[in-house]
N, C-alpha and C. Protein backbone atom coordinates (compact mmCIF):
# COMPACT_ATOMS: atom_id res chain seq x y z
N MET A 1 -17.71 187.61 154.40
CA MET A 1 -16.88 186.57 153.84
C MET A 1 -17.63 185.95 152.66
N GLU A 2 -16.90 185.71 151.62
CA GLU A 2 -17.47 185.04 150.46
C GLU A 2 -16.68 183.77 150.21
N ILE A 3 -17.40 182.72 149.80
CA ILE A 3 -16.75 181.46 149.47
C ILE A 3 -17.26 180.99 148.12
N GLU A 4 -16.45 180.22 147.45
CA GLU A 4 -16.86 179.63 146.19
C GLU A 4 -17.28 178.20 146.45
N ILE A 5 -18.40 177.82 145.85
CA ILE A 5 -18.95 176.48 146.03
C ILE A 5 -19.10 175.84 144.66
N SER A 6 -18.67 174.61 144.53
CA SER A 6 -18.75 173.92 143.25
C SER A 6 -20.21 173.72 142.85
N GLN A 7 -20.43 173.53 141.57
CA GLN A 7 -21.79 173.32 141.06
C GLN A 7 -22.42 172.06 141.65
N ASP A 8 -21.62 171.01 141.83
CA ASP A 8 -22.15 169.77 142.43
C ASP A 8 -22.63 170.02 143.85
N LEU A 9 -21.87 170.79 144.60
CA LEU A 9 -22.25 171.08 145.98
C LEU A 9 -23.48 171.98 146.02
N ILE A 10 -23.55 172.95 145.12
CA ILE A 10 -24.73 173.81 145.05
C ILE A 10 -25.97 172.98 144.78
N LYS A 11 -25.84 172.03 143.88
CA LYS A 11 -26.98 171.14 143.56
C LYS A 11 -27.41 170.36 144.80
N SER A 12 -26.42 169.83 145.54
CA SER A 12 -26.73 169.07 146.76
C SER A 12 -27.41 169.97 147.80
N ILE A 13 -26.95 171.20 147.91
CA ILE A 13 -27.54 172.15 148.86
C ILE A 13 -28.99 172.44 148.49
N LYS A 14 -29.24 172.63 147.21
CA LYS A 14 -30.60 172.90 146.75
C LYS A 14 -31.53 171.72 147.04
N ILE A 15 -31.05 170.52 146.80
CA ILE A 15 -31.85 169.32 147.08
C ILE A 15 -32.15 169.21 148.57
N ALA A 16 -31.11 169.38 149.39
CA ALA A 16 -31.31 169.31 150.85
C ALA A 16 -32.27 170.40 151.32
N SER A 17 -32.15 171.57 150.75
CA SER A 17 -33.02 172.68 151.11
C SER A 17 -34.49 172.34 150.87
N LYS A 18 -34.75 171.76 149.72
CA LYS A 18 -36.13 171.38 149.39
C LYS A 18 -36.61 170.24 150.27
N GLU A 19 -35.78 169.22 150.45
CA GLU A 19 -36.18 168.05 151.24
C GLU A 19 -36.39 168.37 152.71
N LEU A 20 -35.58 169.29 153.25
CA LEU A 20 -35.66 169.61 154.67
C LEU A 20 -36.49 170.86 154.96
N ASN A 21 -36.95 171.50 153.89
CA ASN A 21 -37.75 172.72 154.02
C ASN A 21 -36.99 173.80 154.80
N LEU A 22 -35.71 173.95 154.47
CA LEU A 22 -34.86 174.98 155.06
C LEU A 22 -34.26 175.79 153.93
N ASN A 23 -33.97 177.06 154.19
CA ASN A 23 -33.34 177.83 153.12
C ASN A 23 -31.89 177.40 152.95
N GLU A 24 -31.35 177.71 151.81
CA GLU A 24 -30.01 177.25 151.46
C GLU A 24 -28.95 177.78 152.41
N ARG A 25 -29.09 179.01 152.85
CA ARG A 25 -28.11 179.57 153.81
C ARG A 25 -28.10 178.76 155.11
N GLU A 26 -29.28 178.35 155.56
CA GLU A 26 -29.37 177.57 156.80
C GLU A 26 -28.70 176.20 156.61
N ILE A 27 -28.89 175.60 155.45
CA ILE A 27 -28.25 174.31 155.15
C ILE A 27 -26.73 174.46 155.23
N VAL A 28 -26.20 175.49 154.59
CA VAL A 28 -24.75 175.72 154.58
C VAL A 28 -24.24 176.02 156.00
N ALA A 29 -24.96 176.87 156.72
CA ALA A 29 -24.54 177.22 158.08
C ALA A 29 -24.51 175.99 158.98
N ARG A 30 -25.54 175.16 158.90
CA ARG A 30 -25.58 173.95 159.72
C ARG A 30 -24.47 172.98 159.34
N ALA A 31 -24.21 172.86 158.05
CA ALA A 31 -23.16 171.95 157.60
C ALA A 31 -21.80 172.40 158.11
N ILE A 32 -21.54 173.69 158.05
CA ILE A 32 -20.26 174.22 158.54
C ILE A 32 -20.13 174.01 160.04
N LYS A 33 -21.19 174.28 160.79
CA LYS A 33 -21.15 174.09 162.25
C LYS A 33 -20.87 172.63 162.59
N LEU A 34 -21.53 171.71 161.90
CA LEU A 34 -21.33 170.29 162.14
C LEU A 34 -19.91 169.88 161.81
N TYR A 35 -19.39 170.37 160.70
CA TYR A 35 -18.02 170.06 160.29
C TYR A 35 -17.01 170.58 161.31
N LEU A 36 -17.20 171.82 161.75
CA LEU A 36 -16.27 172.40 162.73
C LEU A 36 -16.32 171.64 164.05
N ALA A 37 -17.51 171.20 164.46
CA ALA A 37 -17.62 170.42 165.69
C ALA A 37 -16.88 169.09 165.55
N SER A 38 -16.99 168.46 164.39
CA SER A 38 -16.30 167.18 164.20
C SER A 38 -14.79 167.36 164.17
N ILE A 39 -14.32 168.46 163.60
CA ILE A 39 -12.88 168.74 163.60
C ILE A 39 -12.40 168.97 165.02
N LYS A 40 -13.18 169.70 165.82
CA LYS A 40 -12.80 169.97 167.20
C LYS A 40 -12.67 168.66 167.98
N GLU A 41 -13.60 167.73 167.75
CA GLU A 41 -13.52 166.43 168.42
C GLU A 41 -12.26 165.69 168.01
N GLN A 42 -11.90 165.75 166.73
CA GLN A 42 -10.69 165.09 166.25
C GLN A 42 -9.45 165.72 166.85
N ILE A 43 -9.42 167.04 166.94
CA ILE A 43 -8.28 167.74 167.55
C ILE A 43 -8.14 167.35 169.01
N ASN A 44 -9.27 167.31 169.73
CA ASN A 44 -9.23 166.91 171.14
C ASN A 44 -8.72 165.48 171.29
N LEU A 45 -9.16 164.59 170.42
CA LEU A 45 -8.70 163.20 170.48
C LEU A 45 -7.20 163.13 170.21
N ASN A 46 -6.74 163.85 169.19
CA ASN A 46 -5.30 163.85 168.88
C ASN A 46 -4.48 164.38 170.05
N GLU A 47 -4.97 165.43 170.70
CA GLU A 47 -4.26 165.99 171.85
C GLU A 47 -4.21 164.98 172.99
N GLU A 48 -5.31 164.27 173.22
CA GLU A 48 -5.33 163.27 174.30
C GLU A 48 -4.38 162.12 173.99
N ILE A 49 -4.37 161.67 172.75
CA ILE A 49 -3.45 160.59 172.36
C ILE A 49 -2.01 161.03 172.57
N LYS A 50 -1.70 162.27 172.19
CA LYS A 50 -0.34 162.79 172.37
C LYS A 50 0.05 162.80 173.84
N ILE A 51 -0.88 163.23 174.71
CA ILE A 51 -0.62 163.25 176.16
C ILE A 51 -0.33 161.84 176.66
N TRP A 52 -1.14 160.86 176.22
CA TRP A 52 -0.92 159.48 176.66
C TRP A 52 0.41 158.94 176.15
N GLU A 53 0.75 159.27 174.91
CA GLU A 53 2.04 158.81 174.36
C GLU A 53 3.20 159.41 175.13
N GLU A 54 3.13 160.72 175.41
CA GLU A 54 4.20 161.37 176.15
C GLU A 54 4.31 160.82 177.57
N ALA A 55 3.17 160.59 178.20
CA ALA A 55 3.18 160.01 179.55
C ALA A 55 3.79 158.62 179.52
N GLY A 56 3.45 157.84 178.51
CA GLY A 56 4.00 156.49 178.39
C GLY A 56 5.50 156.51 178.23
N THR A 57 6.01 157.39 177.41
CA THR A 57 7.45 157.50 177.19
C THR A 57 8.14 157.97 178.46
N GLU A 58 7.59 158.98 179.09
CA GLU A 58 8.19 159.50 180.32
C GLU A 58 8.21 158.43 181.41
N ASP A 59 7.13 157.68 181.54
CA ASP A 59 7.07 156.61 182.54
C ASP A 59 8.12 155.53 182.25
N ALA A 60 8.30 155.20 180.97
CA ALA A 60 9.29 154.19 180.61
C ALA A 60 10.70 154.67 180.93
N VAL A 61 10.99 155.91 180.63
CA VAL A 61 12.31 156.48 180.93
C VAL A 61 12.56 156.48 182.43
N ASN A 62 11.57 156.88 183.22
CA ASN A 62 11.71 156.88 184.67
C ASN A 62 11.93 155.47 185.20
N PHE A 63 11.23 154.50 184.66
CA PHE A 63 11.38 153.11 185.08
C PHE A 63 12.81 152.63 184.82
N ILE A 64 13.32 152.96 183.65
CA ILE A 64 14.67 152.54 183.29
C ILE A 64 15.68 153.19 184.24
N LYS A 65 15.52 154.47 184.53
CA LYS A 65 16.45 155.16 185.43
C LYS A 65 16.37 154.59 186.83
N LEU A 66 15.16 154.36 187.33
CA LEU A 66 14.99 153.86 188.70
C LEU A 66 15.58 152.45 188.86
N ASN A 67 15.53 151.68 187.80
CA ASN A 67 15.99 150.30 187.89
C ASN A 67 17.38 150.09 187.29
N ASN A 68 18.06 151.21 187.02
CA ASN A 68 19.41 151.16 186.48
C ASN A 68 19.52 150.21 185.29
N LEU A 69 18.60 150.32 184.37
CA LEU A 69 18.63 149.43 183.18
C LEU A 69 19.31 150.09 182.01
């Protein structure tokens, strides 16, 4: 797989590489892994919120039916 990286990002990668004493590929790989992990956490949170919202709606509908409202 090949990706295109902007010149500004390449510059940032080079700086991080020197400061952290890691090669540039390792910097990019770690950044991607961290990003993907954060996205997964956001997806999990969104799924949990959706479950709570659906449960809340279902509970409200059941309450209305049970109480003939």
